[in-house]
């Protein structure tokens, strides 16, 4: 037995954590810091303002956005179910629910711009579109990679490591949204 440390048996080389998963965890950590910075700045600017959000700005659609948020959260559940079997079906459900959320975000943004809330109308408008827009971009990218997983799954080429990494990213997108919703909408 040729071992560098006494009492250890040589084992076959096994990967305990796939490199895709490690890379995604590191990426998600950096994105958490990005959004923490956004929310910190939003909170600091808002707490220093006499009234936040400024008087005269359109009200954010709290109720309808809560319904769209439910679609996003349910999509996270569908992705979770996709890891337990019937992957193709559950990924399709997740993508459909995510699409409802993203379409709502676009409709909401158009309505708010028409009502006068823009990136330059106030600091509140700038922060709103930066924070919500950054999340929407993350949701779109996640939908693209989920679509790639669905495509690979239908062809039998979806690796477990890639699938785990994509699920981690989707859970980040889904889990981040309630925090953003509470901070920005409520």
C-alpha atoms as a PDB file:
ATOM      1  CA  UNK A   1       0.000   0.000   0.000  1.00  0.00           C
ATOM      2  CA  UNK A   2       1.636   3.193  -1.176  1.00  0.00           C
ATOM      3  CA  UNK A   3       0.053   6.044   0.811  1.00  0.00           C
ATOM      4  CA  UNK A   4       1.489   9.364   1.855  1.00  0.00           C
ATOM      5  CA  UNK A   5      -0.357   9.334   5.177  1.00  0.00           C
ATOM      6  CA  UNK A   6      -0.501   6.291   7.438  1.00  0.00           C
ATOM      7  CA  UNK A   7      -3.915   4.685   7.731  1.00  0.00           C
ATOM      8  CA  UNK A   8      -5.248   6.043   4.437  1.00  0.00           C
ATOM      9  CA  UNK A   9      -6.135   3.684   1.685  1.00  0.00           C
ATOM     10  CA  UNK A  10      -5.653   4.810  -1.867  1.00  0.00           C
ATOM     11  CA  UNK A  11      -8.983   5.309  -3.589  1.00  0.00           C
ATOM     12  CA  UNK A  12     -10.050   5.803  -7.121  1.00  0.00           C
ATOM     13  CA  UNK A  13     -10.137   9.402  -8.160  1.00  0.00           C
ATOM     14  CA  UNK A  14     -13.715  10.621  -7.744  1.00  0.00           C
ATOM     15  CA  UNK A  15     -15.099  14.036  -8.324  1.00  0.00           C
ATOM     16  CA  UNK A  16     -17.186  14.919  -5.287  1.00  0.00           C
ATOM     17  CA  UNK A  17     -18.412  18.243  -6.618  1.00  0.00           C
ATOM     18  CA  UNK A  18     -18.616  18.887 -10.322  1.00  0.00           C
ATOM     19  CA  UNK A  19     -16.587  21.813 -11.619  1.00  0.00           C
ATOM     20  CA  UNK A  20     -19.736  23.344 -13.133  1.00  0.00           C
ATOM     21  CA  UNK A  21     -21.319  23.445  -9.688  1.00  0.00           C
ATOM     22  CA  UNK A  22     -18.261  25.046  -8.091  1.00  0.00           C
ATOM     23  CA  UNK A  23     -18.124  27.673 -10.830  1.00  0.00           C
ATOM     24  CA  UNK A  24     -21.833  28.438 -10.467  1.00  0.00           C
ATOM     25  CA  UNK A  25     -21.605  28.782  -6.688  1.00  0.00           C
ATOM     26  CA  UNK A  26     -18.767  31.275  -7.114  1.00  0.00           C
ATOM     27  CA  UNK A  27     -20.724  33.156  -9.786  1.00  0.00           C
ATOM     28  CA  UNK A  28     -23.881  33.268  -7.648  1.00  0.00           C
ATOM     29  CA  UNK A  29     -21.853  34.594  -4.717  1.00  0.00           C
ATOM     30  CA  UNK A  30     -20.594  37.486  -6.857  1.00  0.00           C
ATOM     31  CA  UNK A  31     -24.141  38.195  -8.022  1.00  0.00           C
ATOM     32  CA  UNK A  32     -25.368  38.242  -4.422  1.00  0.00           C
ATOM     33  CA  UNK A  33     -22.766  40.920  -3.743  1.00  0.00           C
ATOM     34  CA  UNK A  34     -23.919  42.901  -6.801  1.00  0.00           C
ATOM     35  CA  UNK A  35     -27.533  42.930  -5.657  1.00  0.00           C
ATOM     36  CA  UNK A  36     -26.504  43.629  -2.059  1.00  0.00           C
ATOM     37  CA  UNK A  37     -24.750  46.734  -3.372  1.00  0.00           C
ATOM     38  CA  UNK A  38     -27.831  47.785  -5.324  1.00  0.00           C
ATOM     39  CA  UNK A  39     -30.101  47.323  -2.318  1.00  0.00           C
ATOM     40  CA  UNK A  40     -27.691  49.068   0.024  1.00  0.00           C
ATOM     41  CA  UNK A  41     -27.504  52.114  -2.231  1.00  0.00           C
ATOM     42  CA  UNK A  42     -31.293  52.104  -2.682  1.00  0.00           C
ATOM     43  CA  UNK A  43     -31.810  51.954   1.083  1.00  0.00           C
ATOM     44  CA  UNK A  44     -29.258  54.665   1.857  1.00  0.00           C
ATOM     45  CA  UNK A  45     -30.607  57.076  -0.761  1.00  0.00           C
ATOM     46  CA  UNK A  46     -34.202  56.342   0.249  1.00  0.00           C
ATOM     47  CA  UNK A  47     -33.548  56.841   3.949  1.00  0.00           C
ATOM     48  CA  UNK A  48     -31.974  60.244   3.264  1.00  0.00           C
ATOM     49  CA  UNK A  49     -34.899  61.480   1.175  1.00  0.00           C
ATOM     50  CA  UNK A  50     -37.688  63.447   2.840  1.00  0.00           C
ATOM     51  CA  UNK A  51     -40.280  61.207   1.140  1.00  0.00           C
ATOM     52  CA  UNK A  52     -39.513  57.873  -0.534  1.00  0.00           C
ATOM     53  CA  UNK A  53     -40.589  57.207  -3.186  1.00  0.00           C
ATOM     54  CA  UNK A  54     -40.955  60.844  -4.239  1.00  0.00           C
ATOM     55  CA  UNK A  55     -44.418  62.371  -4.284  1.00  0.00           C
ATOM     56  CA  UNK A  56     -46.082  62.424  -7.689  1.00  0.00           C
ATOM     57  CA  UNK A  57     -44.488  59.274  -9.060  1.00  0.00           C
ATOM     58  CA  UNK A  58     -46.743  56.483 -10.236  1.00  0.00           C
ATOM     59  CA  UNK A  59     -47.447  53.775  -7.711  1.00  0.00           C
ATOM     60  CA  UNK A  60     -45.793  50.447  -8.326  1.00  0.00           C
ATOM     61  CA  UNK A  61     -48.259  47.634  -9.150  1.00  0.00           C
ATOM     62  CA  UNK A  62     -47.789  45.727  -5.896  1.00  0.00           C
ATOM     63  CA  UNK A  63     -50.696  43.280  -6.315  1.00  0.00           C
ATOM     64  CA  UNK A  64     -50.251  42.291  -9.956  1.00  0.00           C
ATOM     65  CA  UNK A  65     -46.508  41.945  -9.441  1.00  0.00           C
ATOM     66  CA  UNK A  66     -47.181  39.649  -6.474  1.00  0.00           C
ATOM     67  CA  UNK A  67     -49.196  37.395  -8.804  1.00  0.00           C
ATOM     68  CA  UNK A  68     -46.363  37.403 -11.360  1.00  0.00           C
ATOM     69  CA  UNK A  69     -43.972  36.667  -8.497  1.00  0.00           C
ATOM     70  CA  UNK A  70     -45.998  33.580  -7.674  1.00  0.00           C
ATOM     71  CA  UNK A  71     -45.425  32.334 -11.241  1.00  0.00           C
ATOM     72  CA  UNK A  72     -41.675  32.776 -10.756  1.00  0.00           C
ATOM     73  CA  UNK A  73     -41.712  30.960  -7.417  1.00  0.00           C
ATOM     74  CA  UNK A  74     -43.745  28.110  -8.888  1.00  0.00           C
ATOM     75  CA  UNK A  75     -41.195  27.872 -11.701  1.00  0.00           C
ATOM     76  CA  UNK A  76     -38.566  27.274  -9.028  1.00  0.00           C
ATOM     77  CA  UNK A  77     -40.681  24.406  -7.740  1.00  0.00           C
ATOM     78  CA  UNK A  78     -40.953  23.017 -11.260  1.00  0.00           C
ATOM     79  CA  UNK A  79     -37.165  23.119 -11.652  1.00  0.00           C
ATOM     80  CA  UNK A  80     -36.873  21.331  -8.320  1.00  0.00           C
ATOM     81  CA  UNK A  81     -39.272  18.648  -9.582  1.00  0.00           C
ATOM     82  CA  UNK A  82     -37.251  18.344 -12.803  1.00  0.00           C
ATOM     83  CA  UNK A  83     -34.351  17.042 -10.734  1.00  0.00           C
ATOM     84  CA  UNK A  84     -36.534  14.185  -9.475  1.00  0.00           C
ATOM     85  CA  UNK A  85     -37.727  12.812 -12.787  1.00  0.00           C
ATOM     86  CA  UNK A  86     -39.801  13.755 -15.818  1.00  0.00           C
ATOM     87  CA  UNK A  87     -37.139  16.363 -16.480  1.00  0.00           C
ATOM     88  CA  UNK A  88     -38.410  17.410 -19.900  1.00  0.00           C
ATOM     89  CA  UNK A  89     -41.964  18.049 -18.733  1.00  0.00           C
ATOM     90  CA  UNK A  90     -40.977  19.939 -15.581  1.00  0.00           C
ATOM     91  CA  UNK A  91     -38.435  22.091 -17.414  1.00  0.00           C
ATOM     92  CA  UNK A  92     -41.168  22.993 -19.901  1.00  0.00           C
ATOM     93  CA  UNK A  93     -43.474  23.982 -17.034  1.00  0.00           C
ATOM     94  CA  UNK A  94     -40.695  26.016 -15.419  1.00  0.00           C
ATOM     95  CA  UNK A  95     -39.972  27.856 -18.654  1.00  0.00           C
ATOM     96  CA  UNK A  96     -43.650  28.637 -19.195  1.00  0.00           C
ATOM     97  CA  UNK A  97     -44.065  30.033 -15.686  1.00  0.00           C
ATOM     98  CA  UNK A  98     -40.832  32.005 -15.983  1.00  0.00           C
ATOM     99  CA  UNK A  99     -42.104  33.415 -19.270  1.00  0.00           C
ATOM    100  CA  UNK A 100     -45.239  34.691 -17.505  1.00  0.00           C
ATOM    101  CA  UNK A 101     -43.028  36.493 -14.987  1.00  0.00           C
ATOM    102  CA  UNK A 102     -40.728  38.051 -17.575  1.00  0.00           C
ATOM    103  CA  UNK A 103     -43.602  39.154 -19.823  1.00  0.00           C
ATOM    104  CA  UNK A 104     -45.231  40.791 -16.810  1.00  0.00           C
ATOM    105  CA  UNK A 105     -41.993  42.627 -16.039  1.00  0.00           C
ATOM    106  CA  UNK A 106     -41.917  44.034 -19.577  1.00  0.00           C
ATOM    107  CA  UNK A 107     -45.592  45.047 -19.482  1.00  0.00           C
ATOM    108  CA  UNK A 108     -45.053  46.661 -16.081  1.00  0.00           C
ATOM    109  CA  UNK A 109     -42.013  48.609 -17.273  1.00  0.00           C
ATOM    110  CA  UNK A 110     -43.849  49.936 -20.338  1.00  0.00           C
ATOM    111  CA  UNK A 111     -46.830  51.051 -18.226  1.00  0.00           C
ATOM    112  CA  UNK A 112     -44.617  52.734 -15.649  1.00  0.00           C
ATOM    113  CA  UNK A 113     -42.637  54.589 -18.304  1.00  0.00           C
ATOM    114  CA  UNK A 114     -45.893  55.763 -19.861  1.00  0.00           C
ATOM    115  CA  UNK A 115     -47.008  56.946 -16.404  1.00  0.00           C
ATOM    116  CA  UNK A 116     -43.797  58.946 -15.963  1.00  0.00           C
ATOM    117  CA  UNK A 117     -41.446  56.686 -13.998  1.00  0.00           C
ATOM    118  CA  UNK A 118     -38.217  56.559 -15.984  1.00  0.00           C
ATOM    119  CA  UNK A 119     -34.536  56.032 -15.305  1.00  0.00           C
ATOM    120  CA  UNK A 120     -34.055  59.801 -15.153  1.00  0.00           C
ATOM    121  CA  UNK A 121     -37.335  60.922 -13.552  1.00  0.00           C
ATOM    122  CA  UNK A 122     -35.854  60.473 -10.056  1.00  0.00           C
ATOM    123  CA  UNK A 123     -33.329  58.476  -8.075  1.00  0.00           C
ATOM    124  CA  UNK A 124     -36.199  56.152  -7.225  1.00  0.00           C
ATOM    125  CA  UNK A 125     -36.894  55.528 -10.923  1.00  0.00           C
ATOM    126  CA  UNK A 126     -33.227  54.961 -11.634  1.00  0.00           C
ATOM    127  CA  UNK A 127     -32.867  52.469  -8.808  1.00  0.00           C
ATOM    128  CA  UNK A 128     -36.141  50.752  -9.670  1.00  0.00           C
ATOM    129  CA  UNK A 129     -35.124  50.072 -13.266  1.00  0.00           C
ATOM    130  CA  UNK A 130     -31.555  49.159 -12.325  1.00  0.00           C
ATOM    131  CA  UNK A 131     -32.574  46.642  -9.667  1.00  0.00           C
ATOM    132  CA  UNK A 132     -35.634  45.168 -11.367  1.00  0.00           C
ATOM    133  CA  UNK A 133     -33.982  45.321 -14.789  1.00  0.00           C
ATOM    134  CA  UNK A 134     -30.850  43.541 -13.586  1.00  0.00           C
ATOM    135  CA  UNK A 135     -33.027  40.814 -12.131  1.00  0.00           C
ATOM    136  CA  UNK A 136     -35.017  40.553 -15.371  1.00  0.00           C
ATOM    137  CA  UNK A 137     -31.771  40.134 -17.330  1.00  0.00           C
ATOM    138  CA  UNK A 138     -30.739  37.358 -14.938  1.00  0.00           C
ATOM    139  CA  UNK A 139     -34.147  35.707 -15.403  1.00  0.00           C
ATOM    140  CA  UNK A 140     -33.805  35.882 -19.202  1.00  0.00           C
ATOM    141  CA  UNK A 141     -30.304  34.410 -19.135  1.00  0.00           C
ATOM    142  CA  UNK A 142     -31.490  31.675 -16.781  1.00  0.00           C
ATOM    143  CA  UNK A 143     -34.387  30.917 -19.136  1.00  0.00           C
ATOM    144  CA  UNK A 144     -31.924  30.597 -22.009  1.00  0.00           C
ATOM    145  CA  UNK A 145     -29.752  28.134 -20.112  1.00  0.00           C
ATOM    146  CA  UNK A 146     -32.825  26.228 -18.912  1.00  0.00           C
ATOM    147  CA  UNK A 147     -33.878  26.006 -22.565  1.00  0.00           C
ATOM    148  CA  UNK A 148     -30.431  24.656 -23.370  1.00  0.00           C
ATOM    149  CA  UNK A 149     -30.857  22.020 -20.664  1.00  0.00           C
ATOM    150  CA  UNK A 150     -34.254  21.096 -22.070  1.00  0.00           C
ATOM    151  CA  UNK A 151     -32.777  20.784 -25.562  1.00  0.00           C
ATOM    152  CA  UNK A 152     -29.886  18.641 -24.297  1.00  0.00           C
ATOM    153  CA  UNK A 153     -32.246  16.489 -22.235  1.00  0.00           C
ATOM    154  CA  UNK A 154     -34.373  15.698 -25.292  1.00  0.00           C
ATOM    155  CA  UNK A 155     -31.223  14.527 -27.067  1.00  0.00           C
ATOM    156  CA  UNK A 156     -29.824  12.551 -24.138  1.00  0.00           C
ATOM    157  CA  UNK A 157     -26.806  14.786 -23.624  1.00  0.00           C
ATOM    158  CA  UNK A 158     -27.590  16.644 -20.393  1.00  0.00           C
ATOM    159  CA  UNK A 159     -24.783  16.074 -17.909  1.00  0.00           C
ATOM    160  CA  UNK A 160     -25.613  15.943 -14.199  1.00  0.00           C
ATOM    161  CA  UNK A 161     -23.018  18.609 -13.369  1.00  0.00           C
ATOM    162  CA  UNK A 162     -24.392  21.087 -15.881  1.00  0.00           C
ATOM    163  CA  UNK A 163     -27.946  20.416 -14.766  1.00  0.00           C
ATOM    164  CA  UNK A 164     -27.042  20.979 -11.106  1.00  0.00           C
ATOM    165  CA  UNK A 165     -25.252  24.226 -11.971  1.00  0.00           C
ATOM    166  CA  UNK A 166     -28.186  25.546 -13.981  1.00  0.00           C
ATOM    167  CA  UNK A 167     -30.588  24.654 -11.183  1.00  0.00           C
ATOM    168  CA  UNK A 168     -28.419  26.561  -8.698  1.00  0.00           C
ATOM    169  CA  UNK A 169     -28.565  29.616 -10.958  1.00  0.00           C
ATOM    170  CA  UNK A 170     -32.341  29.329 -11.307  1.00  0.00           C
ATOM    171  CA  UNK A 171     -32.794  28.955  -7.534  1.00  0.00           C
ATOM    172  CA  UNK A 172     -30.724  32.117  -7.107  1.00  0.00           C
ATOM    173  CA  UNK A 173     -32.924  34.039  -9.573  1.00  0.00           C
ATOM    174  CA  UNK A 174     -36.104  32.747  -7.926  1.00  0.00           C
ATOM    175  CA  UNK A 175     -34.869  33.196  -4.351  1.00  0.00           C
ATOM    176  CA  UNK A 176     -33.564  36.702  -4.958  1.00  0.00           C
ATOM    177  CA  UNK A 177     -36.860  38.013  -6.294  1.00  0.00           C
ATOM    178  CA  UNK A 178     -38.852  38.001  -3.001  1.00  0.00           C
ATOM    179  CA  UNK A 179     -36.033  39.999  -1.389  1.00  0.00           C
ATOM    180  CA  UNK A 180     -36.076  42.542  -4.228  1.00  0.00           C
ATOM    181  CA  UNK A 181     -39.871  42.658  -4.261  1.00  0.00           C
ATOM    182  CA  UNK A 182     -40.012  43.367  -0.523  1.00  0.00           C
ATOM    183  CA  UNK A 183     -37.295  46.024  -0.716  1.00  0.00           C
ATOM    184  CA  UNK A 184     -38.515  47.843  -3.823  1.00  0.00           C
ATOM    185  CA  UNK A 185     -42.290  47.319  -3.953  1.00  0.00           C
ATOM    186  CA  UNK A 186     -43.297  47.258  -0.286  1.00  0.00           C
END
